[in-house]
Amino acid sequence: MHNKHTMMSPSEQNSLLRFDKENVWHPYTSMSEPLPSYLVDSAEGVTINLASGERLIDGMSSWWSVLHGYNHPKLNAALVEQASKMSHVMFGGLTHQSAITLCEKLINLTPEGLDKVFLSDSGSVSVEVAMKMALQYQHAVAEKKKITLTKTKLLTVKNGYHGDTFAAMSVCDPITGMHQIFEQVLMQHFFAPAPTIKFGEQWSSDDVTELTALFAEHHNDIAAFIIEPIVQGTGGMRFYHPEYLKACRLLCDKYDVLLIVDEIATGFGRTGKLFACEWAGINPDIMCLGKTLTGGYITLAATLCTTHIAQTISEGAAGCFMHGPTFMGNALACAVANASIDLLLENDWQSQVQAIENTLVSHLKPLEKHARVKDTRVLGSIGAIECKQNVNVAQIQKRFVELGVWIRPFGQLIYIIPPLIITTEQLITLVNAMATVLDEDECFKC
């Protein structure tokens, strides 16, 4: 299915952009001095078409969500077919085939033991759900044992990011997590140092010394440990050693703490495994999924947990899990999620990811020699350049558009995570654009 490029007059474009600048609040953007927004007319495959005529190769998968490219005929067909029956029914007291099929797929694909699925509407909410599950579980356990509930806090690591809603903010890094302004009103949790040994480096158990000490000292207060497996995304695109995650699993088992893995950004093949926790061969107690669950079409998320957790909560005094979003199990979202998962498995995603990784290793990795670069990192379909200074987002964005690519850096990071269908040629264009801006002083004057 091809999108016809609609010709919008320059005056129409200007009118829309003027209203947008004055009235529409974009993510992490000032309303008094907003970053420029580019008007999109359509998108297809790996290309975003601007109303002003530029065709941009998308390096961001629209914040990790677009797995198979834009305007995919199979995903479009799934939406149309579902919409012809119904777009949504309440999930309280009703159910439908699209949701049931999706939950079955998720149970089959995720690590062993995750047999219960709670659907919600966004990744951040799936983290809220996971935290509530852990706390309600510990409440039910204390009730059953007739002991005072003390396990009311979470443990996590610094440099983590789990979303922008309130409970999710409280387990994001207090400094790099962008939420220090809310520090006084957020729940206070325990933070261990971030993992320091990188993926592929020599492992040493020294990396978990402080984490182990925190578990030993505070386990009576800790309901759950939450972590992004292998890849710390917004906290700096840091890739850590799988042995660290194995150690987390062992500590959680030892101290009766639930292990929550946040696979919202890493799920569905992005790191070279279907789920990043597979690098460590561990089974979590709770897993959060979102972002690319629907191939980037409609917002949808899922929180999976073990039968033991679900039954413990259900047998507690409340008699049920205390959460229920209006758009839970949305039929349109579930239908397109099913089609996206089928497509992932049909498309031999391992070879798609391997091809992206090979190109990034040969073209992006060598940029670490650049005077402006502190480090380059590649894992699966993720490539990141960590610069020695902050980028000027407005300027660098403008240059990327001029170079025919869409890349959205933040802080000192210029990174890409393209749709899996990207060609080698398109990927090299993205990397060349990154190399070009590294040479331009204007892109780093803040």
Protein backbone atom coordinates (compact mmCIF):
# COMPACT_ATOMS: atom_id res chain seq x y z
CA MET A 1 0.00 0.00 0.00
CA HIS A 2 1.60 3.27 -1.09
CA ASN A 3 0.80 6.61 0.45
CA LYS A 4 0.28 9.31 -2.14
CA HIS A 5 2.34 12.35 -1.28
CA THR A 6 -0.24 15.11 -0.76
CA MET A 7 0.82 18.53 -1.92
CA MET A 8 0.20 21.02 0.85
CA SER A 9 0.79 24.63 -0.06
CA PRO A 10 3.58 26.51 1.77
CA SER A 11 0.98 28.80 3.34
CA GLU A 12 -1.00 25.81 4.70
CA GLN A 13 2.21 24.33 6.09
CA ASN A 14 3.18 27.62 7.73
CA SER A 15 -0.27 28.04 9.23
CA LEU A 16 -0.19 24.55 10.76
CA LEU A 17 3.35 24.96 12.07
CA ARG A 18 2.56 28.36 13.54
CA PHE A 19 -0.40 26.95 15.48
CA ASP A 20 1.71 23.96 16.53
CA LYS A 21 4.50 26.19 17.83
CA GLU A 22 2.12 28.42 19.79
CA ASN A 23 -0.33 25.85 21.16
CA VAL A 24 0.86 22.25 20.92
CA TRP A 25 3.14 21.03 23.68
CA HIS A 26 5.68 18.46 22.45
CA PRO A 27 7.65 16.04 24.65
CA TYR A 28 10.46 17.53 26.75
CA THR A 29 10.02 20.88 25.06
CA SER A 30 9.72 24.43 26.34
CA MET A 31 6.60 26.36 25.28
CA SER A 32 8.43 29.69 25.50
CA GLU A 33 11.33 28.57 23.30
CA PRO A 34 10.15 25.36 21.64
CA LEU A 35 12.46 23.18 19.62
CA PRO A 36 11.42 23.21 15.95
CA SER A 37 8.95 20.55 14.81
CA TYR A 38 8.93 19.24 11.25
CA LEU A 39 5.55 18.68 9.59
CA VAL A 40 5.10 15.08 8.41
CA ASP A 41 2.86 14.39 5.46
CA SER A 42 3.17 10.60 5.29
CA ALA A 43 5.52 7.73 6.04
CA GLU A 44 6.24 4.50 4.25
CA GLY A 45 8.78 1.73 4.77
CA VAL A 46 11.80 3.35 6.43
CA THR A 47 10.98 6.79 5.03
CA ILE A 48 9.29 9.76 6.72
CA ASN A 49 7.98 12.22 4.12
CA LEU A 50 7.88 15.85 5.25
CA ALA A 51 5.20 18.19 3.94
CA SER A 52 8.01 20.44 2.71
CA GLY A 53 9.14 17.68 0.35
CA GLU A 54 12.13 16.09 2.12
CA ARG A 55 12.21 12.30 2.37
CA LEU A 56 14.02 11.21 5.52
CA ILE A 57 15.45 7.78 6.35
CA ASP A 58 14.16 7.04 9.86
CA GLY A 59 16.87 6.06 12.31
CA MET A 60 14.69 6.21 15.43
CA SER A 61 11.80 3.81 14.70
CA SER A 62 9.68 6.59 16.25
CA TRP A 63 11.23 6.06 19.69
CA TRP A 64 11.87 2.33 19.27
CA SER A 65 8.28 1.49 18.31
CA VAL A 66 8.18 1.03 14.51
CA LEU A 67 9.50 -2.48 13.99
CA HIS A 68 8.60 -3.29 10.38
CA GLY A 69 8.55 0.20 8.91
CA TYR A 70 5.64 2.57 8.29
CA ASN A 71 2.40 1.90 6.44
CA HIS A 72 2.97 -1.85 6.24
CA PRO A 73 0.31 -3.61 4.14
CA LYS A 74 -0.10 -6.56 6.55
CA LEU A 75 -0.42 -4.33 9.60
CA ASN A 76 -2.79 -1.99 7.76
CA ALA A 77 -4.93 -4.99 6.76
CA ALA A 78 -5.12 -6.23 10.37
CA LEU A 79 -6.38 -2.82 11.49
CA VAL A 80 -8.98 -2.56 8.74
CA GLU A 81 -10.27 -6.08 9.36
CA GLN A 82 -10.58 -5.51 13.11
CA ALA A 83 -12.18 -2.08 12.65
CA SER A 84 -14.86 -3.64 10.43
CA LYS A 85 -15.92 -5.79 13.41
CA MET A 86 -15.28 -3.39 16.32
CA SER A 87 -12.52 -1.09 17.44
CA HIS A 88 -13.00 -1.42 21.16
CA VAL A 89 -15.16 -2.98 23.86
CA MET A 90 -14.69 -2.65 27.59
CA PHE A 91 -12.52 -5.43 29.01
CA GLY A 92 -14.52 -5.62 32.24
CA GLY A 93 -16.81 -8.62 31.81
CA LEU A 94 -16.12 -8.89 28.07
CA THR A 95 -13.30 -10.39 26.06
CA HIS A 96 -12.45 -10.97 22.38
CA GLN A 97 -10.35 -13.11 20.08
CA SER A 98 -7.67 -10.49 19.31
CA ALA A 99 -6.79 -10.04 22.99
CA ILE A 100 -6.90 -13.78 23.74
CA THR A 101 -4.69 -14.60 20.74
CA LEU A 102 -2.21 -11.88 21.72
CA CYS A 103 -1.93 -13.11 25.31
CA GLU A 104 -1.37 -16.65 24.05
CA LYS A 105 1.41 -15.45 21.72
CA LEU A 106 3.08 -13.47 24.53
CA ILE A 107 2.99 -16.43 26.92
CA ASN A 108 4.54 -18.67 24.25
CA LEU A 109 7.29 -16.20 23.30
CA THR A 110 8.42 -14.87 26.68
CA PRO A 111 10.64 -16.78 29.14
CA GLU A 112 9.20 -19.79 30.93
CA GLY A 113 6.87 -19.14 33.84
CA LEU A 114 5.24 -15.91 32.68
CA ASP A 115 1.74 -17.33 32.27
CA LYS A 116 -0.55 -14.46 33.25
CA VAL A 117 -0.95 -11.32 31.12
CA PHE A 118 -2.30 -7.93 32.14
CA LEU A 119 -2.85 -5.59 29.18
CA SER A 120 -2.64 -1.81 29.49
CA ASP A 121 -2.26 1.22 27.29
CA SER A 122 1.38 2.35 27.46
CA GLY A 123 4.80 1.22 28.58
CA SER A 124 4.89 3.61 31.51
CA VAL A 125 1.56 2.22 32.72
CA SER A 126 2.85 -1.35 32.38
CA VAL A 127 5.61 -0.36 34.84
CA GLU A 128 3.01 1.12 37.21
CA VAL A 129 1.10 -2.17 36.91
CA ALA A 130 4.25 -4.22 37.62
CA MET A 131 5.05 -2.13 40.70
CA LYS A 132 1.47 -2.44 41.96
CA MET A 133 1.55 -6.19 41.35
CA ALA A 134 4.75 -6.53 43.39
CA LEU A 135 3.40 -4.42 46.25
CA GLN A 136 -0.01 -6.12 46.28
CA TYR A 137 1.73 -9.51 46.17
CA GLN A 138 3.86 -8.67 49.23
CA HIS A 139 0.76 -7.32 50.98
CA ALA A 140 -1.04 -10.64 50.39
CA VAL A 141 2.00 -12.64 51.56
CA ALA A 142 2.23 -10.63 54.81
CA GLU A 143 -1.51 -11.06 55.32
CA LYS A 144 -1.32 -14.83 54.86
CA LYS A 145 1.67 -15.15 57.21
CA LYS A 146 -0.03 -12.78 59.68
CA ILE A 147 3.08 -10.58 59.80
CA THR A 148 3.45 -6.82 59.54
CA LEU A 149 3.99 -5.66 55.97
CA THR A 150 7.48 -4.16 55.62
CA LYS A 151 8.22 -4.90 51.95
CA THR A 152 6.94 -1.63 50.54
CA LYS A 153 9.92 -0.28 48.59
CA LEU A 154 11.68 -1.12 45.37
CA LEU A 155 15.35 -1.50 44.60
CA THR A 156 16.77 -0.47 41.24
CA VAL A 157 20.01 0.76 39.67
CA LYS A 158 21.16 4.24 38.75
CA ASN A 159 21.05 5.36 35.09
CA GLY A 160 17.74 3.54 34.70
CA TYR A 161 14.63 4.84 32.98
CA HIS A 162 11.15 3.34 33.30
CA GLY A 163 8.73 6.01 32.13
CA ASP A 164 7.24 9.37 33.04
CA THR A 165 4.20 8.49 35.18
CA PHE A 166 4.45 8.86 38.95
CA ALA A 167 5.44 5.43 40.24
CA ALA A 168 7.62 4.84 37.15
CA MET A 169 9.43 8.16 37.78
CA SER A 170 10.29 7.07 41.31
CA VAL A 171 12.47 4.21 40.00
CA CYS A 172 14.19 6.28 37.29
CA ASP A 173 17.67 7.60 37.99
CA PRO A 174 17.21 10.62 40.32
CA ILE A 175 19.70 12.68 38.25
CA THR A 176 19.73 11.38 34.65
CA GLY A 177 16.08 10.28 34.84
CA MET A 178 14.86 13.84 34.11
CA HIS A 179 12.61 13.84 37.17
CA GLN A 180 14.64 15.49 39.95
CA ILE A 181 12.13 18.36 40.01
CA PHE A 182 9.59 15.91 41.53
CA GLU A 183 12.01 14.43 44.04
CA GLN A 184 10.18 15.70 47.12
CA VAL A 185 6.83 14.18 46.15
CA LEU A 186 7.98 10.82 44.75
CA MET A 187 8.12 7.60 46.74
CA GLN A 188 11.68 7.02 47.96
CA HIS A 189 13.29 3.77 46.81
CA PHE A 190 16.73 2.17 47.04
CA PHE A 191 19.30 2.79 44.27
CA ALA A 192 22.35 0.65 43.61
CA PRO A 193 25.25 1.90 41.47
CA ALA A 194 24.74 1.31 37.75
CA PRO A 195 26.45 -1.76 36.25
CA THR A 196 29.93 -0.76 35.06
CA ILE A 197 31.21 -3.84 33.23
CA LYS A 198 30.20 -3.56 29.60
CA PHE A 199 28.63 -6.20 27.42
CA GLY A 200 31.49 -8.25 25.94
CA GLU A 201 34.07 -7.25 28.58
CA GLN A 202 35.65 -9.57 31.14
CA TRP A 203 33.21 -10.17 34.02
CA SER A 204 34.10 -9.58 37.65
CA SER A 205 31.77 -10.11 40.60
CA ASP A 206 33.10 -6.79 42.00
CA ASP A 207 30.40 -5.19 39.86
CA VAL A 208 27.67 -6.51 42.19
CA THR A 209 29.40 -5.86 45.54
CA GLU A 210 27.31 -2.80 46.46
CA LEU A 211 24.14 -4.31 45.02
CA THR A 212 24.68 -7.41 47.18
CA ALA A 213 25.20 -5.24 50.26
CA LEU A 214 21.96 -3.33 49.59
CA PHE A 215 20.00 -6.59 49.29
CA ALA A 216 21.56 -7.91 52.51
CA GLU A 217 20.81 -4.75 54.46
CA HIS A 218 17.37 -3.82 53.17
CA HIS A 219 15.73 -7.00 51.87
CA ASN A 220 13.06 -6.88 54.57
CA ASP A 221 11.89 -3.58 53.07
CA ILE A 222 12.19 -4.53 49.39
CA ALA A 223 9.17 -5.82 47.49
CA ALA A 224 10.84 -6.01 44.09
CA PHE A 225 13.96 -5.21 42.10
CA ILE A 226 13.33 -3.52 38.73
CA ILE A 227 15.85 -3.21 35.90
CA GLU A 228 16.13 -2.73 32.14
CA PRO A 229 17.81 -5.96 31.03
CA ILE A 230 21.23 -5.57 29.32
CA VAL A 231 20.47 -2.13 27.80
CA GLN A 232 19.98 1.00 29.90
CA GLY A 233 18.22 3.14 27.30
CA THR A 234 17.38 6.74 28.13
CA GLY A 235 19.91 6.66 30.98
CA GLY A 236 22.70 6.70 28.39
CA MET A 237 22.39 3.75 25.96
CA ARG A 238 24.64 1.70 28.21
CA PHE A 239 25.06 -2.03 27.46
CA TYR A 240 26.04 -4.07 30.52
CA HIS A 241 27.28 -7.61 31.14
CA PRO A 242 24.68 -10.44 31.24
CA GLU A 243 26.35 -11.86 34.38
CA TYR A 244 25.12 -8.76 36.22
CA LEU A 245 21.54 -9.75 35.42
CA LYS A 246 22.22 -13.35 36.50
CA ALA A 247 23.47 -12.01 39.84
CA CYS A 248 20.27 -9.95 40.21
CA ARG A 249 18.16 -13.09 39.71
CA LEU A 250 20.15 -15.00 42.36
CA LEU A 251 19.91 -12.14 44.88
CA CYS A 252 16.15 -11.83 44.34
CA ASP A 253 15.77 -15.59 44.93
CA LYS A 254 17.94 -15.51 48.03
CA TYR A 255 16.06 -12.65 49.67
CA ASP A 256 12.49 -13.34 48.50
CA VAL A 257 12.36 -10.23 46.31
CA LEU A 258 10.46 -10.20 43.00
CA LEU A 259 12.46 -9.52 39.83
CA ILE A 260 10.79 -7.12 37.36
CA VAL A 261 12.43 -6.75 33.94
CA ASP A 262 11.46 -3.72 31.89
CA GLU A 263 11.66 -5.00 28.30
CA ILE A 264 9.64 -2.09 26.89
CA ALA A 265 12.54 -0.85 24.76
CA THR A 266 14.49 -4.10 24.40
CA GLY A 267 11.72 -6.58 23.59
CA PHE A 268 11.01 -8.20 20.22
CA GLY A 269 14.51 -8.74 18.92
CA ARG A 270 16.10 -5.33 19.32
CA THR A 271 19.23 -6.61 21.11
CA GLY A 272 19.73 -9.78 19.05
CA LYS A 273 17.64 -11.94 21.39
CA LEU A 274 13.85 -11.94 21.30
CA PHE A 275 13.94 -10.52 24.84
CA ALA A 276 17.12 -9.05 26.32
CA CYS A 277 16.91 -11.09 29.53
CA GLU A 278 17.62 -14.16 27.37
CA TRP A 279 21.26 -12.96 27.17
CA ALA A 280 21.50 -13.94 30.84
CA GLY A 281 19.29 -17.03 30.53
CA ILE A 282 17.10 -15.87 33.41
CA ASN A 283 13.36 -16.01 34.00
CA PRO A 284 11.90 -12.89 35.65
CA ASP A 285 8.87 -12.88 37.95
CA ILE A 286 7.31 -9.93 36.12
CA MET A 287 8.00 -8.54 32.63
CA CYS A 288 6.90 -5.23 31.11
CA LEU A 289 6.34 -4.89 27.36
CA GLY A 290 5.32 -1.89 25.26
CA LYS A 291 6.72 0.34 22.51
CA THR A 292 7.09 -2.00 19.55
CA LEU A 293 4.39 -4.44 20.69
CA THR A 294 2.09 -3.18 17.91
CA GLY A 295 4.87 -2.47 15.42
CA GLY A 296 4.49 1.23 16.20
CA TYR A 297 0.83 1.52 15.18
CA ILE A 298 -1.20 2.05 18.35
CA THR A 299 -0.19 2.39 21.96
CA LEU A 300 -0.45 -0.91 23.85
CA ALA A 301 1.47 -2.55 26.67
CA ALA A 302 1.50 -5.76 28.65
CA THR A 303 2.68 -6.83 32.08
CA LEU A 304 3.27 -10.57 32.43
CA CYS A 305 3.74 -12.41 35.71
CA THR A 306 3.97 -15.91 37.15
CA THR A 307 0.96 -17.98 38.18
CA HIS A 308 2.23 -17.85 41.78
CA ILE A 309 2.12 -14.03 41.86
CA ALA A 310 -1.33 -13.91 40.25
CA GLN A 311 -2.79 -16.49 42.64
CA THR A 312 -1.23 -14.91 45.73
CA ILE A 313 -2.73 -11.52 44.80
CA SER A 314 -6.10 -13.07 43.93
CA GLU A 315 -6.29 -14.95 47.23
CA GLY A 316 -5.50 -11.82 49.27
CA ALA A 317 -8.11 -9.75 51.11
CA ALA A 318 -8.78 -7.54 48.06
CA GLY A 319 -9.69 -10.66 46.06
CA CYS A 320 -8.51 -9.11 42.81
CA PHE A 321 -5.74 -7.03 41.30
CA MET A 322 -6.57 -3.35 41.77
CA HIS A 323 -6.11 -1.94 38.28
CA GLY A 324 -8.24 -1.60 35.15
CA PRO A 325 -7.59 0.90 32.35
CA THR A 326 -10.54 2.00 30.18
CA PHE A 327 -8.79 1.00 26.97
CA MET A 328 -7.40 -2.24 28.37
CA GLY A 329 -7.26 -4.97 25.72
CA ASN A 330 -8.17 -2.52 22.95
CA ALA A 331 -9.21 -4.67 19.98
CA LEU A 332 -7.53 -2.56 17.29
CA ALA A 333 -4.24 -2.54 19.19
CA CYS A 334 -4.37 -6.28 19.92
CA ALA A 335 -5.17 -7.12 16.28
CA VAL A 336 -2.22 -5.13 14.94
CA ALA A 337 0.04 -6.54 17.70
CA ASN A 338 -0.83 -10.06 16.56
CA ALA A 339 0.00 -9.16 12.96
CA SER A 340 3.27 -7.50 14.03
CA ILE A 341 4.41 -10.54 16.03
CA ASP A 342 3.52 -12.86 13.12
CA LEU A 343 5.51 -10.64 10.78
CA LEU A 344 8.51 -10.62 13.14
CA LEU A 345 8.61 -14.42 13.20
CA GLU A 346 7.98 -14.77 9.44
CA ASN A 347 10.70 -12.26 8.54
CA ASP A 348 13.58 -14.19 10.10
CA TRP A 349 14.21 -11.34 12.53
CA GLN A 350 17.54 -12.84 13.69
CA SER A 351 19.12 -12.34 10.27
CA GLN A 352 17.57 -8.85 9.99
CA VAL A 353 19.09 -7.83 13.33
CA GLN A 354 22.41 -9.53 12.52
CA ALA A 355 22.66 -7.63 9.22
CA ILE A 356 22.05 -4.31 11.02
CA GLU A 357 24.61 -5.18 13.71
CA ASN A 358 27.25 -6.17 11.12
CA THR A 359 26.84 -2.86 9.27
CA LEU A 360 26.95 -0.85 12.51
CA VAL A 361 30.09 -2.68 13.68
CA SER A 362 31.89 -1.96 10.40
CA HIS A 363 30.67 1.64 9.87
CA LEU A 364 29.62 3.17 13.22
CA LYS A 365 32.08 1.52 15.61
CA PRO A 366 35.19 3.10 13.94
CA LEU A 367 33.80 6.59 14.71
CA GLU A 368 35.14 6.11 18.27
CA LYS A 369 38.47 7.41 16.91
CA HIS A 370 36.88 10.83 16.25
CA ALA A 371 38.20 13.62 18.49
CA ARG A 372 34.66 14.52 19.56
CA VAL A 373 33.70 10.96 20.53
CA LYS A 374 34.03 9.38 23.95
CA ASP A 375 32.70 5.93 22.99
CA THR A 376 30.73 4.04 20.35
CA ARG A 377 28.49 1.10 21.20
CA VAL A 378 26.67 -1.50 19.12
CA LEU A 379 24.33 -4.30 20.20
CA GLY A 380 21.84 -5.94 17.87
CA SER A 381 19.98 -3.22 16.00
CA ILE A 382 21.14 -0.45 18.38
CA GLY A 383 24.05 1.86 17.56
CA ALA A 384 25.14 4.73 19.83
CA ILE A 385 27.79 7.42 19.75
CA GLU A 386 28.58 9.02 23.10
CA CYS A 387 30.13 12.43 22.53
CA LYS A 388 32.41 14.34 24.88
CA GLN A 389 29.97 17.27 25.01
CA ASN A 390 26.24 17.86 24.69
CA VAL A 391 24.74 18.21 21.24
CA ASN A 392 22.77 21.28 20.15
CA VAL A 393 19.48 19.47 19.43
CA ALA A 394 17.88 22.17 17.25
CA GLN A 395 20.99 22.59 15.10
CA ILE A 396 21.86 18.92 14.79
CA GLN A 397 18.23 18.07 13.94
CA LYS A 398 18.25 20.70 11.19
CA ARG A 399 21.46 19.24 9.76
CA PHE A 400 20.11 15.70 9.85
CA VAL A 401 17.02 16.79 7.89
CA GLU A 402 19.29 18.47 5.33
CA LEU A 403 21.26 15.20 5.11
CA GLY A 404 18.04 13.24 4.47
CA VAL A 405 17.80 11.37 7.77
CA TRP A 406 15.71 11.48 10.95
CA ILE A 407 17.84 11.05 14.08
CA ARG A 408 16.86 12.54 17.44
CA PRO A 409 19.84 12.84 19.82
CA PHE A 410 19.72 13.74 23.50
CA GLY A 411 22.38 14.95 25.94
CA GLN A 412 25.73 13.67 24.68
CA LEU A 413 24.21 10.80 22.71
CA ILE A 414 23.61 10.39 19.01
CA TYR A 415 22.03 6.99 18.56
CA ILE A 416 19.98 4.99 16.08
CA ILE A 417 17.62 2.04 16.36
CA PRO A 418 16.14 1.68 12.85
CA PRO A 419 13.19 -0.45 11.71
CA LEU A 420 14.29 -4.03 11.04
CA ILE A 421 13.48 -3.73 7.33
CA ILE A 422 16.16 -1.09 6.72
CA THR A 423 18.56 -1.82 3.85
CA THR A 424 22.34 -1.74 4.23
CA GLU A 425 22.46 1.28 1.92
CA GLN A 426 19.90 3.20 4.03
CA LEU A 427 21.75 2.27 7.22
CA ILE A 428 25.07 3.51 5.82
CA THR A 429 23.34 6.81 4.91
CA LEU A 430 22.30 7.15 8.57
CA VAL A 431 25.83 6.43 9.85
CA ASN A 432 27.40 8.79 7.30
CA ALA A 433 25.08 11.56 8.49
CA MET A 434 26.21 10.91 12.08
CA ALA A 435 29.84 11.07 10.94
CA THR A 436 29.17 14.34 9.09
CA VAL A 437 27.68 16.19 12.08
CA LEU A 438 30.60 15.12 14.29
CA ASP A 439 32.79 17.41 12.15
CA GLU A 440 30.49 20.43 12.54
CA ASP A 441 31.11 22.79 15.48
CA GLU A 442 27.64 24.36 15.14
CA CYS A 443 26.05 21.03 16.11
CA PHE A 444 27.76 21.15 19.51
CA LYS A 445 27.39 24.83 20.46
CA CYS A 446 24.79 24.91 23.21
